[in-house]
């Protein structure tokens, strides 16, 4: 069984932009099952030329995660089945003191435009990575910042 252990933060300012390892990967994703307290989520994501179907168990920092590649044409058809708007973002990767950080800049739906979140995946819960100075508040345990629930809240500014 796959396990995901991650921490998530708001991003403060623009200091991260010059540190990205690549120009960014455009992503579109939708949810076929939105989860909820104690329930799994089922997500379809198209990232560049690839697509993945992901099932995540309940939880915030530690949860079960299963990912499977799917043909992009199938992913497009599955996105059309999503009962929620498709989320669009650009993902950037930054190495900071030996840890890979992913920074997501959201573009759609319109209420999410301008939201920037950073995540770091960890090998164990005991790992405490050095935090870059461009991070804002930690939101790991705040379910309002899970990608799935970002659809159901108004503006990201209303979360603070």
N, C-alpha and C. Protein backbone atom coordinates (compact mmCIF):
# COMPACT_ATOMS: atom_id res chain seq x y z
N UNK A 1 0.84 -1.18 0.00
CA UNK A 1 0.00 0.00 0.00
C UNK A 1 0.88 1.24 0.00
N UNK A 2 0.54 2.21 -0.83
CA UNK A 2 1.27 3.46 -0.86
C UNK A 2 0.85 4.38 0.27
N UNK A 3 1.82 5.08 0.84
CA UNK A 3 1.55 6.05 1.91
C UNK A 3 2.15 7.39 1.49
N UNK A 4 1.38 8.43 1.67
CA UNK A 4 1.84 9.79 1.42
C UNK A 4 2.00 10.50 2.76
N UNK A 5 3.18 11.08 2.97
CA UNK A 5 3.44 11.89 4.16
C UNK A 5 3.90 13.24 3.64
N UNK A 6 3.12 14.29 3.91
CA UNK A 6 3.49 15.59 3.38
C UNK A 6 3.09 16.70 4.33
N UNK A 7 3.79 17.81 4.18
CA UNK A 7 3.44 19.05 4.88
C UNK A 7 3.13 20.10 3.82
N UNK A 8 2.17 20.98 4.14
CA UNK A 8 1.70 21.97 3.18
C UNK A 8 1.72 23.35 3.82
N UNK A 9 2.12 24.36 3.01
CA UNK A 9 2.26 25.73 3.49
C UNK A 9 1.70 26.71 2.48
N UNK A 10 1.21 27.84 2.97
CA UNK A 10 0.96 28.97 2.09
C UNK A 10 2.31 29.51 1.67
N UNK A 11 2.37 30.15 0.52
CA UNK A 11 3.61 30.77 0.06
C UNK A 11 3.47 32.28 0.24
N UNK A 12 4.48 32.88 0.83
CA UNK A 12 4.49 34.31 1.10
C UNK A 12 5.44 35.01 0.14
N UNK A 13 4.93 35.87 -0.69
CA UNK A 13 5.78 36.64 -1.58
C UNK A 13 6.19 35.88 -2.83
N UNK A 14 7.14 36.47 -3.54
CA UNK A 14 7.58 35.96 -4.83
C UNK A 14 9.00 35.38 -4.80
N UNK A 15 9.63 35.30 -3.63
CA UNK A 15 11.02 34.88 -3.53
C UNK A 15 11.31 33.49 -4.07
N UNK A 16 10.32 32.65 -4.18
CA UNK A 16 10.50 31.28 -4.66
C UNK A 16 10.68 31.21 -6.18
N UNK A 17 10.17 32.20 -6.89
CA UNK A 17 10.10 32.10 -8.36
C UNK A 17 11.46 31.89 -9.02
N UNK A 18 12.49 32.57 -8.59
CA UNK A 18 13.80 32.42 -9.20
C UNK A 18 14.51 31.13 -8.83
N UNK A 19 13.93 30.35 -7.94
CA UNK A 19 14.55 29.12 -7.47
C UNK A 19 14.03 27.87 -8.16
N UNK A 20 12.96 27.99 -8.93
CA UNK A 20 12.34 26.83 -9.56
C UNK A 20 13.30 26.13 -10.51
N UNK A 21 13.28 24.78 -10.47
CA UNK A 21 14.19 23.95 -11.28
C UNK A 21 13.77 23.88 -12.74
N UNK A 22 12.57 24.26 -13.08
CA UNK A 22 12.05 24.16 -14.44
C UNK A 22 11.00 25.25 -14.62
N UNK A 23 10.53 25.45 -15.84
CA UNK A 23 9.57 26.53 -16.07
C UNK A 23 8.18 26.26 -15.49
N UNK A 24 7.91 25.07 -15.07
CA UNK A 24 6.60 24.73 -14.50
C UNK A 24 5.83 23.80 -15.41
N UNK A 25 4.99 22.99 -14.81
CA UNK A 25 4.17 22.04 -15.54
C UNK A 25 2.70 22.41 -15.36
N UNK A 26 2.01 22.64 -16.47
CA UNK A 26 0.57 22.93 -16.42
C UNK A 26 -0.17 21.66 -16.05
N UNK A 27 -1.13 21.79 -15.13
CA UNK A 27 -1.93 20.65 -14.67
C UNK A 27 -3.40 21.01 -14.67
N UNK A 28 -4.21 20.02 -15.01
CA UNK A 28 -5.66 20.12 -14.84
C UNK A 28 -6.08 18.88 -14.08
N UNK A 29 -6.97 19.08 -13.12
CA UNK A 29 -7.42 17.92 -12.36
C UNK A 29 -8.86 18.10 -11.92
N UNK A 30 -9.51 16.96 -11.75
CA UNK A 30 -10.89 16.93 -11.28
C UNK A 30 -11.06 15.75 -10.35
N UNK A 31 -12.17 15.75 -9.66
CA UNK A 31 -12.44 14.71 -8.67
C UNK A 31 -13.68 13.94 -9.06
N UNK A 32 -13.55 12.61 -9.03
CA UNK A 32 -14.68 11.74 -9.31
C UNK A 32 -15.38 11.35 -8.01
N UNK A 33 -14.65 11.40 -6.91
CA UNK A 33 -15.21 11.21 -5.57
C UNK A 33 -14.54 12.24 -4.68
N UNK A 34 -15.34 13.08 -4.06
CA UNK A 34 -14.81 14.23 -3.32
C UNK A 34 -14.41 13.93 -1.90
N UNK A 35 -14.60 12.72 -1.45
CA UNK A 35 -14.19 12.40 -0.09
C UNK A 35 -15.07 13.09 0.92
N UNK A 36 -14.44 13.64 1.91
CA UNK A 36 -15.13 14.25 3.04
C UNK A 36 -14.54 13.65 4.29
N UNK A 37 -15.01 14.06 5.46
CA UNK A 37 -14.44 13.52 6.69
C UNK A 37 -14.48 11.98 6.72
N UNK A 38 -13.30 11.39 6.79
CA UNK A 38 -13.19 9.93 6.88
C UNK A 38 -13.40 9.18 5.57
N UNK A 39 -13.53 9.90 4.44
CA UNK A 39 -13.79 9.24 3.16
C UNK A 39 -12.64 9.47 2.19
N UNK A 40 -12.42 8.54 1.25
CA UNK A 40 -11.35 8.70 0.27
C UNK A 40 -11.74 9.68 -0.84
N UNK A 41 -10.72 10.13 -1.59
CA UNK A 41 -10.95 10.94 -2.79
C UNK A 41 -10.41 10.17 -3.99
N UNK A 42 -11.01 10.42 -5.14
CA UNK A 42 -10.56 9.84 -6.39
C UNK A 42 -10.35 11.00 -7.34
N UNK A 43 -9.11 11.18 -7.78
CA UNK A 43 -8.73 12.33 -8.61
C UNK A 43 -8.18 11.86 -9.94
N UNK A 44 -8.48 12.63 -10.98
CA UNK A 44 -7.85 12.43 -12.28
C UNK A 44 -7.06 13.69 -12.58
N UNK A 45 -5.80 13.53 -13.02
CA UNK A 45 -4.94 14.68 -13.28
C UNK A 45 -4.22 14.49 -14.60
N UNK A 46 -4.21 15.57 -15.39
CA UNK A 46 -3.41 15.62 -16.61
C UNK A 46 -2.31 16.63 -16.34
N UNK A 47 -1.07 16.17 -16.43
CA UNK A 47 0.11 17.01 -16.15
C UNK A 47 1.04 16.90 -17.34
N UNK A 48 1.10 17.97 -18.13
CA UNK A 48 1.93 17.90 -19.33
C UNK A 48 1.40 16.80 -20.23
N UNK A 49 2.27 15.88 -20.69
CA UNK A 49 1.85 14.83 -21.61
C UNK A 49 1.37 13.55 -20.93
N UNK A 50 1.20 13.57 -19.61
CA UNK A 50 0.85 12.35 -18.88
C UNK A 50 -0.42 12.56 -18.07
N UNK A 51 -1.05 11.44 -17.71
CA UNK A 51 -2.26 11.50 -16.89
C UNK A 51 -2.19 10.40 -15.83
N UNK A 52 -2.77 10.71 -14.66
CA UNK A 52 -2.77 9.77 -13.54
C UNK A 52 -4.14 9.73 -12.89
N UNK A 53 -4.54 8.56 -12.47
CA UNK A 53 -5.70 8.37 -11.62
C UNK A 53 -5.17 8.12 -10.22
N UNK A 54 -5.64 8.88 -9.25
CA UNK A 54 -5.12 8.78 -7.88
C UNK A 54 -6.26 8.57 -6.91
N UNK A 55 -6.07 7.61 -6.01
CA UNK A 55 -7.00 7.37 -4.92
C UNK A 55 -6.26 7.69 -3.63
N UNK A 56 -6.84 8.60 -2.83
CA UNK A 56 -6.21 8.97 -1.56
C UNK A 56 -7.17 8.66 -0.43
N UNK A 57 -6.62 8.07 0.63
CA UNK A 57 -7.41 7.80 1.81
C UNK A 57 -7.65 9.07 2.60
N UNK A 58 -8.47 8.97 3.63
CA UNK A 58 -8.72 10.15 4.46
C UNK A 58 -7.47 10.54 5.24
N UNK A 59 -7.42 11.78 5.67
CA UNK A 59 -6.29 12.26 6.46
C UNK A 59 -5.68 13.49 5.83
N UNK A 60 -4.75 14.10 6.55
CA UNK A 60 -4.10 15.31 6.07
C UNK A 60 -2.61 15.07 5.86
N UNK A 61 -1.87 14.85 6.95
CA UNK A 61 -0.42 14.72 6.85
C UNK A 61 0.01 13.33 6.38
N UNK A 62 -0.68 12.29 6.84
CA UNK A 62 -0.35 10.91 6.48
C UNK A 62 -1.62 10.23 6.00
N UNK A 63 -1.54 9.63 4.81
CA UNK A 63 -2.71 8.92 4.29
C UNK A 63 -2.30 7.94 3.20
N UNK A 64 -3.16 6.99 2.95
CA UNK A 64 -2.93 6.04 1.86
C UNK A 64 -3.02 6.77 0.54
N UNK A 65 -2.17 6.36 -0.42
CA UNK A 65 -2.20 6.97 -1.75
C UNK A 65 -1.86 5.90 -2.79
N UNK A 66 -2.69 5.81 -3.82
CA UNK A 66 -2.47 4.88 -4.92
C UNK A 66 -2.57 5.67 -6.22
N UNK A 67 -1.54 5.56 -7.08
CA UNK A 67 -1.52 6.30 -8.35
C UNK A 67 -1.31 5.34 -9.51
N UNK A 68 -2.07 5.59 -10.60
CA UNK A 68 -2.00 4.73 -11.76
C UNK A 68 -1.99 5.58 -13.03
N UNK A 69 -1.05 5.33 -13.94
CA UNK A 69 -1.08 6.06 -15.21
C UNK A 69 -2.29 5.64 -16.03
N UNK A 70 -2.87 6.61 -16.73
CA UNK A 70 -3.99 6.32 -17.63
C UNK A 70 -3.74 7.07 -18.94
N UNK A 71 -4.29 6.59 -20.05
CA UNK A 71 -4.15 7.32 -21.31
C UNK A 71 -4.77 8.72 -21.18
N UNK A 72 -4.15 9.71 -21.79
CA UNK A 72 -4.63 11.09 -21.69
C UNK A 72 -6.06 11.21 -22.23
N UNK A 73 -6.38 10.50 -23.31
CA UNK A 73 -7.74 10.55 -23.85
C UNK A 73 -8.76 10.05 -22.81
N UNK A 74 -8.41 8.99 -22.08
CA UNK A 74 -9.29 8.50 -21.02
C UNK A 74 -9.40 9.54 -19.90
N UNK A 75 -8.29 10.17 -19.57
CA UNK A 75 -8.29 11.18 -18.51
C UNK A 75 -9.19 12.35 -18.90
N UNK A 76 -9.13 12.78 -20.15
CA UNK A 76 -10.00 13.86 -20.62
C UNK A 76 -11.47 13.47 -20.44
N UNK A 77 -11.81 12.23 -20.80
CA UNK A 77 -13.19 11.75 -20.65
C UNK A 77 -13.59 11.70 -19.18
N UNK A 78 -12.66 11.29 -18.32
CA UNK A 78 -12.96 11.25 -16.88
C UNK A 78 -13.13 12.66 -16.31
N UNK A 79 -12.31 13.61 -16.75
CA UNK A 79 -12.47 14.99 -16.30
C UNK A 79 -13.86 15.51 -16.62
N UNK A 80 -14.39 15.10 -17.77
CA UNK A 80 -15.73 15.53 -18.16
C UNK A 80 -16.80 14.96 -17.22
N UNK A 81 -16.48 13.89 -16.51
CA UNK A 81 -17.42 13.29 -15.55
C UNK A 81 -17.39 13.95 -14.19
N UNK A 82 -16.38 14.76 -13.93
CA UNK A 82 -16.24 15.38 -12.61
C UNK A 82 -17.43 16.29 -12.32
N UNK A 83 -18.06 16.11 -11.16
CA UNK A 83 -19.19 16.97 -10.82
C UNK A 83 -18.77 18.38 -10.38
N UNK A 84 -17.48 18.59 -10.22
CA UNK A 84 -16.96 19.89 -9.77
C UNK A 84 -16.17 20.52 -10.91
N UNK A 85 -15.93 21.83 -10.84
CA UNK A 85 -15.11 22.46 -11.88
C UNK A 85 -13.71 21.87 -11.90
N UNK A 86 -13.11 21.88 -13.07
CA UNK A 86 -11.73 21.40 -13.19
C UNK A 86 -10.80 22.44 -12.58
N UNK A 87 -9.87 21.96 -11.78
CA UNK A 87 -8.88 22.82 -11.14
C UNK A 87 -7.68 22.91 -12.09
N UNK A 88 -7.19 24.13 -12.32
CA UNK A 88 -6.00 24.33 -13.17
C UNK A 88 -4.92 25.02 -12.35
N UNK A 89 -3.70 24.53 -12.49
CA UNK A 89 -2.57 25.11 -11.76
C UNK A 89 -1.30 24.83 -12.52
N UNK A 90 -0.26 25.55 -12.14
CA UNK A 90 1.08 25.27 -12.65
C UNK A 90 1.93 24.82 -11.47
N UNK A 91 2.64 23.72 -11.65
CA UNK A 91 3.48 23.17 -10.59
C UNK A 91 4.95 23.44 -10.90
N UNK A 92 5.64 23.94 -9.88
CA UNK A 92 7.06 24.21 -9.96
C UNK A 92 7.77 23.35 -8.93
N UNK A 93 9.03 22.97 -9.20
CA UNK A 93 9.83 22.19 -8.25
C UNK A 93 11.02 23.01 -7.80
N UNK A 94 11.29 22.95 -6.49
CA UNK A 94 12.40 23.69 -5.90
C UNK A 94 13.11 22.76 -4.92
N UNK A 95 14.43 22.67 -5.05
CA UNK A 95 15.23 21.92 -4.09
C UNK A 95 15.71 22.90 -3.03
N UNK A 96 15.40 22.59 -1.76
CA UNK A 96 15.85 23.43 -0.65
C UNK A 96 16.49 22.53 0.41
N UNK A 97 17.78 22.69 0.59
CA UNK A 97 18.55 21.94 1.59
C UNK A 97 18.23 20.44 1.55
N UNK A 98 18.28 19.89 0.33
CA UNK A 98 18.13 18.44 0.15
C UNK A 98 16.70 17.94 0.07
N UNK A 99 15.72 18.81 0.13
CA UNK A 99 14.31 18.39 0.06
C UNK A 99 13.66 18.99 -1.17
N UNK A 100 12.84 18.18 -1.83
CA UNK A 100 12.11 18.64 -3.01
C UNK A 100 10.78 19.26 -2.57
N UNK A 101 10.61 20.52 -2.89
CA UNK A 101 9.37 21.25 -2.62
C UNK A 101 8.62 21.42 -3.93
N UNK A 102 7.31 21.21 -3.91
CA UNK A 102 6.49 21.52 -5.07
C UNK A 102 5.67 22.75 -4.71
N UNK A 103 5.66 23.69 -5.64
CA UNK A 103 4.90 24.93 -5.46
C UNK A 103 3.83 24.96 -6.53
N UNK A 104 2.58 25.05 -6.10
CA UNK A 104 1.44 25.09 -7.02
C UNK A 104 0.84 26.49 -7.04
N UNK A 105 0.79 27.05 -8.24
CA UNK A 105 0.15 28.35 -8.46
C UNK A 105 -1.18 28.09 -9.16
N UNK A 106 -2.28 28.42 -8.51
CA UNK A 106 -3.61 28.09 -9.00
C UNK A 106 -4.13 29.15 -9.98
N UNK A 107 -4.84 28.68 -11.02
CA UNK A 107 -5.39 29.55 -12.05
C UNK A 107 -6.91 29.44 -12.17
N UNK A 108 -7.47 28.29 -11.89
CA UNK A 108 -8.91 28.09 -12.02
C UNK A 108 -9.34 27.01 -11.03
N UNK A 109 -10.58 27.11 -10.55
CA UNK A 109 -11.59 28.11 -10.85
C UNK A 109 -11.15 29.51 -10.44
N UNK A 110 -11.90 30.51 -10.91
CA UNK A 110 -11.51 31.91 -10.73
C UNK A 110 -11.28 32.28 -9.27
N UNK A 111 -12.04 31.71 -8.35
CA UNK A 111 -11.90 32.04 -6.93
C UNK A 111 -10.54 31.63 -6.38
N UNK A 112 -9.84 30.71 -7.06
CA UNK A 112 -8.54 30.25 -6.58
C UNK A 112 -7.37 31.00 -7.21
N UNK A 113 -7.65 31.81 -8.22
CA UNK A 113 -6.59 32.54 -8.90
C UNK A 113 -5.79 33.35 -7.88
N UNK A 114 -4.46 33.18 -7.91
CA UNK A 114 -3.59 33.89 -6.98
C UNK A 114 -3.18 33.08 -5.77
N UNK A 115 -3.84 31.96 -5.51
CA UNK A 115 -3.44 31.10 -4.40
C UNK A 115 -2.17 30.36 -4.78
N UNK A 116 -1.17 30.35 -3.88
CA UNK A 116 0.08 29.63 -4.11
C UNK A 116 0.36 28.81 -2.86
N UNK A 117 0.49 27.49 -3.04
CA UNK A 117 0.76 26.56 -1.95
C UNK A 117 2.05 25.79 -2.23
N UNK A 118 2.77 25.45 -1.17
CA UNK A 118 3.99 24.64 -1.28
C UNK A 118 3.82 23.38 -0.44
N UNK A 119 4.31 22.27 -0.97
CA UNK A 119 4.27 20.99 -0.26
C UNK A 119 5.64 20.34 -0.30
N UNK A 120 5.92 19.57 0.74
CA UNK A 120 7.11 18.75 0.76
C UNK A 120 6.68 17.36 1.21
N UNK A 121 7.07 16.34 0.43
CA UNK A 121 6.79 14.96 0.81
C UNK A 121 7.94 14.44 1.65
N UNK A 122 7.60 13.67 2.67
CA UNK A 122 8.59 13.21 3.64
C UNK A 122 8.64 11.69 3.68
N UNK A 123 9.81 11.16 4.02
CA UNK A 123 9.98 9.70 4.12
C UNK A 123 9.29 9.15 5.36
N UNK A 124 9.31 9.92 6.45
CA UNK A 124 8.65 9.53 7.70
C UNK A 124 8.09 10.78 8.36
N UNK A 125 7.19 10.58 9.31
CA UNK A 125 6.64 11.72 10.05
C UNK A 125 7.71 12.41 10.89
N UNK A 126 8.77 11.69 11.23
CA UNK A 126 9.82 12.26 12.09
C UNK A 126 10.71 13.26 11.36
N UNK A 127 10.70 13.25 10.02
CA UNK A 127 11.54 14.17 9.26
C UNK A 127 11.00 15.59 9.44
N UNK A 128 11.91 16.49 9.79
CA UNK A 128 11.55 17.89 9.98
C UNK A 128 12.44 18.74 9.06
N UNK A 129 12.02 18.95 7.81
CA UNK A 129 12.89 19.62 6.85
C UNK A 129 13.10 21.09 7.20
N UNK A 130 14.26 21.64 6.84
CA UNK A 130 14.47 23.08 7.01
C UNK A 130 13.47 23.82 6.12
N UNK A 131 12.85 24.85 6.66
CA UNK A 131 11.81 25.56 5.93
C UNK A 131 12.40 26.75 5.16
N UNK A 132 12.08 26.86 3.88
CA UNK A 132 12.54 28.02 3.10
C UNK A 132 11.92 29.31 3.65
N UNK A 133 12.61 30.42 3.46
CA UNK A 133 12.12 31.69 4.00
C UNK A 133 10.94 32.26 3.21
N UNK A 134 10.58 31.67 2.08
CA UNK A 134 9.45 32.13 1.29
C UNK A 134 8.14 31.44 1.67
N UNK A 135 8.18 30.61 2.70
CA UNK A 135 6.95 29.96 3.17
C UNK A 135 6.19 30.89 4.10
N UNK A 136 4.87 30.77 4.04
CA UNK A 136 3.99 31.45 4.98
C UNK A 136 3.51 30.44 6.02
N UNK A 137 2.28 30.57 6.43
CA UNK A 137 1.70 29.72 7.47
C UNK A 137 1.59 28.27 7.01
N UNK A 138 1.80 27.35 7.94
CA UNK A 138 1.60 25.93 7.65
C UNK A 138 0.10 25.65 7.67
N UNK A 139 -0.37 24.91 6.66
CA UNK A 139 -1.79 24.57 6.55
C UNK A 139 -1.99 23.06 6.40
N UNK A 140 -0.99 22.29 6.81
CA UNK A 140 -1.06 20.83 6.69
C UNK A 140 -2.33 20.28 7.30
N UNK A 141 -2.67 20.71 8.48
CA UNK A 141 -3.81 20.16 9.21
C UNK A 141 -5.11 20.91 8.96
N UNK A 142 -5.11 21.83 8.02
CA UNK A 142 -6.30 22.61 7.70
C UNK A 142 -6.95 22.01 6.46
N UNK A 143 -8.05 21.27 6.61
CA UNK A 143 -8.64 20.59 5.46
C UNK A 143 -9.12 21.54 4.36
N UNK A 144 -9.29 22.81 4.66
CA UNK A 144 -9.72 23.77 3.63
C UNK A 144 -8.70 23.91 2.52
N UNK A 145 -7.46 23.48 2.77
CA UNK A 145 -6.40 23.61 1.76
C UNK A 145 -6.12 22.31 1.04
N UNK A 146 -6.91 21.27 1.27
CA UNK A 146 -6.75 20.07 0.44
C UNK A 146 -7.25 20.43 -0.95
N UNK A 147 -6.61 19.93 -1.99
CA UNK A 147 -7.01 20.28 -3.35
C UNK A 147 -8.48 20.01 -3.58
N UNK A 148 -8.98 18.91 -3.04
CA UNK A 148 -10.37 18.56 -3.25
C UNK A 148 -11.31 19.60 -2.64
N UNK A 149 -11.01 20.07 -1.44
CA UNK A 149 -11.91 21.01 -0.77
C UNK A 149 -11.71 22.45 -1.22
N UNK A 150 -10.66 22.73 -1.96
CA UNK A 150 -10.48 24.09 -2.47
C UNK A 150 -11.66 24.50 -3.35
N UNK A 151 -12.33 23.54 -3.95
CA UNK A 151 -13.48 23.83 -4.80
C UNK A 151 -14.67 24.38 -4.02
N UNK A 152 -14.81 23.95 -2.79
CA UNK A 152 -16.05 24.22 -2.06
C UNK A 152 -16.01 25.49 -1.24
N UNK A 153 -14.86 26.13 -1.10
CA UNK A 153 -14.75 27.38 -0.36
C UNK A 153 -14.78 28.55 -1.31
N UNK A 154 -15.14 29.73 -0.81
CA UNK A 154 -15.04 30.89 -1.68
C UNK A 154 -13.58 31.22 -1.97
N UNK A 155 -13.21 32.42 -1.87
CA UNK A 155 -11.87 32.89 -2.20
C UNK A 155 -10.84 32.36 -1.22
N UNK A 156 -9.61 32.10 -1.68
CA UNK A 156 -8.55 31.67 -0.76
C UNK A 156 -8.31 32.72 0.34
N UNK A 157 -8.57 33.95 0.03
CA UNK A 157 -8.36 35.00 1.04
C UNK A 157 -9.36 34.87 2.18
N UNK A 158 -10.48 34.17 1.95
CA UNK A 158 -11.47 33.96 3.01
C UNK A 158 -11.05 32.86 3.97
N UNK A 159 -9.98 32.14 3.66
CA UNK A 159 -9.53 31.05 4.51
C UNK A 159 -8.63 31.54 5.62
N UNK A 160 -8.07 32.72 5.50
CA UNK A 160 -7.05 33.17 6.44
C UNK A 160 -7.64 33.79 7.68
